[in-house]
Amino acid sequence: LRELIINLQLAQRKRQISQAKKQLELAAKETETYKQRIEKMRDHQQEAELKHRYQIADYETAAQHYW
């Protein structure tokens, strides 16, 4: 009987470990997805900032021509 209980406990712990591994894998995938999204957002932000700088430079150049 004791051996049966030990085997059941062992099986239960193995299931828990397996579930924990699956959750860890899922969390790692989600983390990677968020990292990629952050990188894309940074790229987009840098691109927008650069466009705005060029736009400002163009406006300043145009303003100088009118003076």
PDB file of N, CA and C in Angstrom:
ATOM      1  N   LEU A   1       0.831  -1.201   0.000  1.00  0.00           N
ATOM      2  CA  LEU A   1       0.000   0.000   0.000  1.00  0.00           C
ATOM      3  C   LEU A   1       0.876   1.266   0.000  1.00  0.00           C
ATOM      4  N   ARG A   2       1.904   1.240   0.821  1.00  0.00           N
ATOM      5  CA  ARG A   2       2.801   2.392   0.887  1.00  0.00           C
ATOM      6  C   ARG A   2       3.467   2.636  -0.473  1.00  0.00           C
ATOM      7  N   GLU A   3       3.861   1.575  -1.126  1.00  0.00           N
ATOM      8  CA  GLU A   3       4.495   1.695  -2.441  1.00  0.00           C
ATOM      9  C   GLU A   3       3.525   2.296  -3.456  1.00  0.00           C
ATOM     10  N   LEU A   4       2.271   1.909  -3.370  1.00  0.00           N
ATOM     11  CA  LEU A   4       1.246   2.452  -4.259  1.00  0.00           C
ATOM     12  C   LEU A   4       1.082   3.955  -4.030  1.00  0.00           C
ATOM     13  N   ILE A   5       1.048   4.357  -2.776  1.00  0.00           N
ATOM     14  CA  ILE A   5       0.922   5.779  -2.442  1.00  0.00           C
ATOM     15  C   ILE A   5       2.126   6.555  -2.973  1.00  0.00           C
ATOM     16  N   ILE A   6       3.300   6.005  -2.786  1.00  0.00           N
ATOM     17  CA  ILE A   6       4.521   6.659  -3.270  1.00  0.00           C
ATOM     18  C   ILE A   6       4.487   6.787  -4.786  1.00  0.00           C
ATOM     19  N   ASN A   7       4.051   5.741  -5.461  1.00  0.00           N
ATOM     20  CA  ASN A   7       3.960   5.780  -6.928  1.00  0.00           C
ATOM     21  C   ASN A   7       2.937   6.813  -7.397  1.00  0.00           C
ATOM     22  N   LEU A   8       1.821   6.902  -6.687  1.00  0.00           N
ATOM     23  CA  LEU A   8       0.803   7.894  -7.037  1.00  0.00           C
ATOM     24  C   LEU A   8       1.332   9.316  -6.828  1.00  0.00           C
ATOM     25  N   GLN A   9       2.033   9.516  -5.726  1.00  0.00           N
ATOM     26  CA  GLN A   9       2.614  10.831  -5.457  1.00  0.00           C
ATOM     27  C   GLN A   9       3.659  11.185  -6.514  1.00  0.00           C
ATOM     28  N   LEU A  10       4.451  10.210  -6.884  1.00  0.00           N
ATOM     29  CA  LEU A  10       5.469  10.428  -7.909  1.00  0.00           C
ATOM     30  C   LEU A  10       4.821  10.788  -9.246  1.00  0.00           C
ATOM     31  N   ALA A  11       3.769  10.069  -9.598  1.00  0.00           N
ATOM     32  CA  ALA A  11       3.063  10.353 -10.848  1.00  0.00           C
ATOM     33  C   ALA A  11       2.459  11.757 -10.815  1.00  0.00           C
ATOM     34  N   GLN A  12       1.907  12.125  -9.666  1.00  0.00           N
ATOM     35  CA  GLN A  12       1.321  13.454  -9.528  1.00  0.00           C
ATOM     36  C   GLN A  12       2.393  14.538  -9.670  1.00  0.00           C
ATOM     37  N   ARG A  13       3.527  14.330  -9.063  1.00  0.00           N
ATOM     38  CA  ARG A  13       4.615  15.312  -9.165  1.00  0.00           C
ATOM     39  C   ARG A  13       5.134  15.413 -10.598  1.00  0.00           C
ATOM     40  N   LYS A  14       5.193  14.281 -11.277  1.00  0.00           N
ATOM     41  CA  LYS A  14       5.626  14.304 -12.679  1.00  0.00           C
ATOM     42  C   LYS A  14       4.655  15.112 -13.534  1.00  0.00           C
ATOM     43  N   ARG A  15       3.353  14.949 -13.273  1.00  0.00           N
ATOM     44  CA  ARG A  15       2.349  15.731 -14.001  1.00  0.00           C
ATOM     45  C   ARG A  15       2.508  17.219 -13.696  1.00  0.00           C
ATOM     46  N   GLN A  16       2.744  17.537 -12.442  1.00  0.00           N
ATOM     47  CA  GLN A  16       2.931  18.936 -12.058  1.00  0.00           C
ATOM     48  C   GLN A  16       4.160  19.532 -12.742  1.00  0.00           C
ATOM     49  N   ILE A  17       5.221  18.764 -12.783  1.00  0.00           N
ATOM     50  CA  ILE A  17       6.442  19.227 -13.448  1.00  0.00           C
ATOM     51  C   ILE A  17       6.188  19.429 -14.935  1.00  0.00           C
ATOM     52  N   SER A  18       5.476  18.496 -15.530  1.00  0.00           N
ATOM     53  CA  SER A  18       5.160  18.606 -16.953  1.00  0.00           C
ATOM     54  C   SER A  18       4.323  19.855 -17.223  1.00  0.00           C
ATOM     55  N   GLN A  19       3.326  20.105 -16.385  1.00  0.00           N
ATOM     56  CA  GLN A  19       2.492  21.296 -16.545  1.00  0.00           C
ATOM     57  C   GLN A  19       3.318  22.568 -16.350  1.00  0.00           C
ATOM     58  N   ALA A  20       4.198  22.544 -15.377  1.00  0.00           N
ATOM     59  CA  ALA A  20       5.052  23.709 -15.120  1.00  0.00           C
ATOM     60  C   ALA A  20       5.965  23.978 -16.312  1.00  0.00           C
ATOM     61  N   LYS A  21       6.493  22.914 -16.919  1.00  0.00           N
ATOM     62  CA  LYS A  21       7.348  23.078 -18.100  1.00  0.00           C
ATOM     63  C   LYS A  21       6.565  23.693 -19.251  1.00  0.00           C
ATOM     64  N   LYS A  22       5.328  23.236 -19.445  1.00  0.00           N
ATOM     65  CA  LYS A  22       4.496  23.786 -20.513  1.00  0.00           C
ATOM     66  C   LYS A  22       4.215  25.266 -20.268  1.00  0.00           C
ATOM     67  N   GLN A  23       3.917  25.603 -19.023  1.00  0.00           N
ATOM     68  CA  GLN A  23       3.658  27.004 -18.689  1.00  0.00           C
ATOM     69  C   GLN A  23       4.909  27.855 -18.900  1.00  0.00           C
ATOM     70  N   LEU A  24       6.048  27.315 -18.549  1.00  0.00           N
ATOM     71  CA  LEU A  24       7.310  28.021 -18.741  1.00  0.00           C
ATOM     72  C   LEU A  24       7.589  28.247 -20.224  1.00  0.00           C
ATOM     73  N   GLU A  25       7.346  27.233 -21.040  1.00  0.00           N
ATOM     74  CA  GLU A  25       7.541  27.371 -22.485  1.00  0.00           C
ATOM     75  C   GLU A  25       6.608  28.437 -23.057  1.00  0.00           C
ATOM     76  N   LEU A  26       5.363  28.420 -22.605  1.00  0.00           N
ATOM     77  CA  LEU A  26       4.399  29.413 -23.066  1.00  0.00           C
ATOM     78  C   LEU A  26       4.832  30.819 -22.651  1.00  0.00           C
ATOM     79  N   ALA A  27       5.277  30.962 -21.425  1.00  0.00           N
ATOM     80  CA  ALA A  27       5.741  32.266 -20.942  1.00  0.00           C
ATOM     81  C   ALA A  27       6.955  32.738 -21.742  1.00  0.00           C
ATOM     82  N   ALA A  28       7.844  31.825 -22.075  1.00  0.00           N
ATOM     83  CA  ALA A  28       9.029  32.183 -22.863  1.00  0.00           C
ATOM     84  C   ALA A  28       8.617  32.647 -24.261  1.00  0.00           C
ATOM     85  N   LYS A  29       7.652  31.974 -24.866  1.00  0.00           N
ATOM     86  CA  LYS A  29       7.166  32.382 -26.189  1.00  0.00           C
ATOM     87  C   LYS A  29       6.512  33.757 -26.125  1.00  0.00           C
ATOM     88  N   GLU A  30       5.695  33.967 -25.092  1.00  0.00           N
ATOM     89  CA  GLU A  30       5.040  35.266 -24.939  1.00  0.00           C
ATOM     90  C   GLU A  30       6.077  36.369 -24.737  1.00  0.00           C
ATOM     91  N   THR A  31       7.089  36.079 -23.946  1.00  0.00           N
ATOM     92  CA  THR A  31       8.149  37.054 -23.706  1.00  0.00           C
ATOM     93  C   THR A  31       8.845  37.412 -25.008  1.00  0.00           C
ATOM     94  N   GLU A  32       9.143  36.421 -25.813  1.00  0.00           N
ATOM     95  CA  GLU A  32       9.797  36.665 -27.103  1.00  0.00           C
ATOM     96  C   GLU A  32       8.895  37.498 -28.014  1.00  0.00           C
ATOM     97  N   THR A  33       7.608  37.192 -28.008  1.00  0.00           N
ATOM     98  CA  THR A  33       6.658  37.959 -28.810  1.00  0.00           C
ATOM     99  C   THR A  33       6.643  39.419 -28.376  1.00  0.00           C
ATOM    100  N   TYR A  34       6.609  39.644 -27.061  1.00  0.00           N
ATOM    101  CA  TYR A  34       6.609  41.022 -26.559  1.00  0.00           C
ATOM    102  C   TYR A  34       7.913  41.741 -26.897  1.00  0.00           C
ATOM    103  N   LYS A  35       9.025  41.037 -26.812  1.00  0.00           N
ATOM    104  CA  LYS A  35      10.312  41.639 -27.172  1.00  0.00           C
ATOM    105  C   LYS A  35      10.303  42.078 -28.634  1.00  0.00           C
ATOM    106  N   GLN A  36       9.759  41.235 -29.500  1.00  0.00           N
ATOM    107  CA  GLN A  36       9.694  41.570 -30.922  1.00  0.00           C
ATOM    108  C   GLN A  36       8.792  42.781 -31.154  1.00  0.00           C
ATOM    109  N   ARG A  37       7.661  42.809 -30.449  1.00  0.00           N
ATOM    110  CA  ARG A  37       6.742  43.941 -30.592  1.00  0.00           C
ATOM    111  C   ARG A  37       7.398  45.234 -30.120  1.00  0.00           C
ATOM    112  N   ILE A  38       8.119  45.156 -29.012  1.00  0.00           N
ATOM    113  CA  ILE A  38       8.817  46.335 -28.488  1.00  0.00           C
ATOM    114  C   ILE A  38       9.845  46.825 -29.494  1.00  0.00           C
ATOM    115  N   GLU A  39      10.590  45.897 -30.075  1.00  0.00           N
ATOM    116  CA  GLU A  39      11.606  46.272 -31.066  1.00  0.00           C
ATOM    117  C   GLU A  39      10.962  46.948 -32.277  1.00  0.00           C
ATOM    118  N   LYS A  40       9.839  46.411 -32.744  1.00  0.00           N
ATOM    119  CA  LYS A  40       9.138  47.025 -33.874  1.00  0.00           C
ATOM    120  C   LYS A  40       8.644  48.422 -33.514  1.00  0.00           C
ATOM    121  N   MET A  41       8.138  48.567 -32.285  1.00  0.00           N
ATOM    122  CA  MET A  41       7.658  49.874 -31.848  1.00  0.00           C
ATOM    123  C   MET A  41       8.806  50.876 -31.761  1.00  0.00           C
ATOM    124  N   ARG A  42       9.950  50.432 -31.278  1.00  0.00           N
ATOM    125  CA  ARG A  42      11.124  51.315 -31.217  1.00  0.00           C
ATOM    126  C   ARG A  42      11.546  51.747 -32.618  1.00  0.00           C
ATOM    127  N   ASP A  43      11.572  50.791 -33.534  1.00  0.00           N
ATOM    128  CA  ASP A  43      11.932  51.117 -34.916  1.00  0.00           C
ATOM    129  C   ASP A  43      10.956  52.136 -35.499  1.00  0.00           C
ATOM    130  N   HIS A  44       9.675  51.907 -35.252  1.00  0.00           N
ATOM    131  CA  HIS A  44       8.648  52.814 -35.758  1.00  0.00           C
ATOM    132  C   HIS A  44       8.825  54.207 -35.144  1.00  0.00           C
ATOM    133  N   GLN A  45       9.099  54.258 -33.857  1.00  0.00           N
ATOM    134  CA  GLN A  45       9.295  55.536 -33.184  1.00  0.00           C
ATOM    135  C   GLN A  45      10.507  56.275 -33.758  1.00  0.00           C
ATOM    136  N   GLN A  46      11.601  55.563 -33.956  1.00  0.00           N
ATOM    137  CA  GLN A  46      12.802  56.191 -34.514  1.00  0.00           C
ATOM    138  C   GLN A  46      12.538  56.715 -35.924  1.00  0.00           C
ATOM    139  N   GLU A  47      11.809  55.935 -36.690  1.00  0.00           N
ATOM    140  CA  GLU A  47      11.477  56.356 -38.053  1.00  0.00           C
ATOM    141  C   GLU A  47      10.611  57.612 -38.025  1.00  0.00           C
ATOM    142  N   ALA A  48       9.631  57.643 -37.130  1.00  0.00           N
ATOM    143  CA  ALA A  48       8.756  58.810 -37.020  1.00  0.00           C
ATOM    144  C   ALA A  48       9.545  60.040 -36.576  1.00  0.00           C
ATOM    145  N   GLU A  49      10.443  59.863 -35.619  1.00  0.00           N
ATOM    146  CA  GLU A  49      11.269  60.982 -35.162  1.00  0.00           C
ATOM    147  C   GLU A  49      12.137  61.521 -36.296  1.00  0.00           C
ATOM    148  N   LEU A  50      12.713  60.631 -37.068  1.00  0.00           N
ATOM    149  CA  LEU A  50      13.550  61.050 -38.191  1.00  0.00           C
ATOM    150  C   LEU A  50      12.728  61.821 -39.226  1.00  0.00           C
ATOM    151  N   LYS A  51      11.533  61.324 -39.524  1.00  0.00           N
ATOM    152  CA  LYS A  51      10.663  62.019 -40.477  1.00  0.00           C
ATOM    153  C   LYS A  51      10.321  63.415 -39.968  1.00  0.00           C
ATOM    154  N   HIS A  52      10.039  63.516 -38.675  1.00  0.00           N
ATOM    155  CA  HIS A  52       9.706  64.823 -38.111  1.00  0.00           C
ATOM    156  C   HIS A  52      10.898  65.777 -38.174  1.00  0.00           C
ATOM    157  N   ARG A  53      12.075  65.258 -37.917  1.00  0.00           N
ATOM    158  CA  ARG A  53      13.271  66.107 -38.004  1.00  0.00           C
ATOM    159  C   ARG A  53      13.463  66.640 -39.424  1.00  0.00           C
ATOM    160  N   TYR A  54      13.280  65.755 -40.405  1.00  0.00           N
ATOM    161  CA  TYR A  54      13.412  66.187 -41.798  1.00  0.00           C
ATOM    162  C   TYR A  54      12.339  67.221 -42.141  1.00  0.00           C
ATOM    163  N   GLN A  55      11.141  66.986 -41.633  1.00  0.00           N
ATOM    164  CA  GLN A  55      10.044  67.908 -41.894  1.00  0.00           C
ATOM    165  C   GLN A  55      10.349  69.287 -41.294  1.00  0.00           C
ATOM    166  N   ILE A  56      10.849  69.295 -40.075  1.00  0.00           N
ATOM    167  CA  ILE A  56      11.207  70.557 -39.424  1.00  0.00           C
ATOM    168  C   ILE A  56      12.306  71.259 -40.214  1.00  0.00           C
ATOM    169  N   ALA A  57      13.302  70.503 -40.635  1.00  0.00           N
ATOM    170  CA  ALA A  57      14.394  71.087 -41.423  1.00  0.00           C
ATOM    171  C   ALA A  57      13.860  71.691 -42.717  1.00  0.00           C
ATOM    172  N   ASP A  58      12.926  70.998 -43.357  1.00  0.00           N
ATOM    173  CA  ASP A  58      12.326  71.529 -44.588  1.00  0.00           C
ATOM    174  C   ASP A  58      11.572  72.824 -44.308  1.00  0.00           C
ATOM    175  N   TYR A  59      10.808  72.860 -43.221  1.00  0.00           N
ATOM    176  CA  TYR A  59      10.063  74.069 -42.862  1.00  0.00           C
ATOM    177  C   TYR A  59      11.011  75.226 -42.548  1.00  0.00           C
ATOM    178  N   GLU A  60      12.098  74.923 -41.850  1.00  0.00           N
ATOM    179  CA  GLU A  60      13.074  75.969 -41.529  1.00  0.00           C
ATOM    180  C   GLU A  60      13.722  76.516 -42.800  1.00  0.00           C
ATOM    181  N   THR A  61      14.034  75.622 -43.719  1.00  0.00           N
ATOM    182  CA  THR A  61      14.619  76.049 -44.993  1.00  0.00           C
ATOM    183  C   THR A  61      13.632  76.917 -45.764  1.00  0.00           C
ATOM    184  N   ALA A  62      12.392  76.490 -45.796  1.00  0.00           N
ATOM    185  CA  ALA A  62      11.360  77.261 -46.500  1.00  0.00           C
ATOM    186  C   ALA A  62      11.168  78.618 -45.834  1.00  0.00           C
ATOM    187  N   ALA A  63      11.199  78.659 -44.521  1.00  0.00           N
ATOM    188  CA  ALA A  63      11.022  79.924 -43.796  1.00  0.00           C
ATOM    189  C   ALA A  63      12.167  80.879 -44.097  1.00  0.00           C
ATOM    190  N   GLN A  64      13.363  80.358 -44.236  1.00  0.00           N
ATOM    191  CA  GLN A  64      14.520  81.209 -44.546  1.00  0.00           C
ATOM    192  C   GLN A  64      14.388  81.832 -45.934  1.00  0.00           C
ATOM    193  N   HIS A  65      13.794  81.092 -46.850  1.00  0.00           N
ATOM    194  CA  HIS A  65      13.617  81.611 -48.205  1.00  0.00           C
ATOM    195  C   HIS A  65      12.625  82.775 -48.235  1.00  0.00           C
ATOM    196  N   TYR A  66      11.669  82.776 -47.332  1.00  0.00           N
ATOM    197  CA  TYR A  66      10.667  83.838 -47.304  1.00  0.00           C
ATOM    198  C   TYR A  66      11.176  85.086 -46.612  1.00  0.00           C
ATOM    199  N   TRP A  67      12.281  84.976 -45.877  1.00  0.00           N
ATOM    200  CA  TRP A  67      12.819  86.164 -45.183  1.00  0.00           C
ATOM    201  C   TRP A  67      13.606  86.940 -46.120  1.00  0.00           C
TER     202      TRP A  67
END
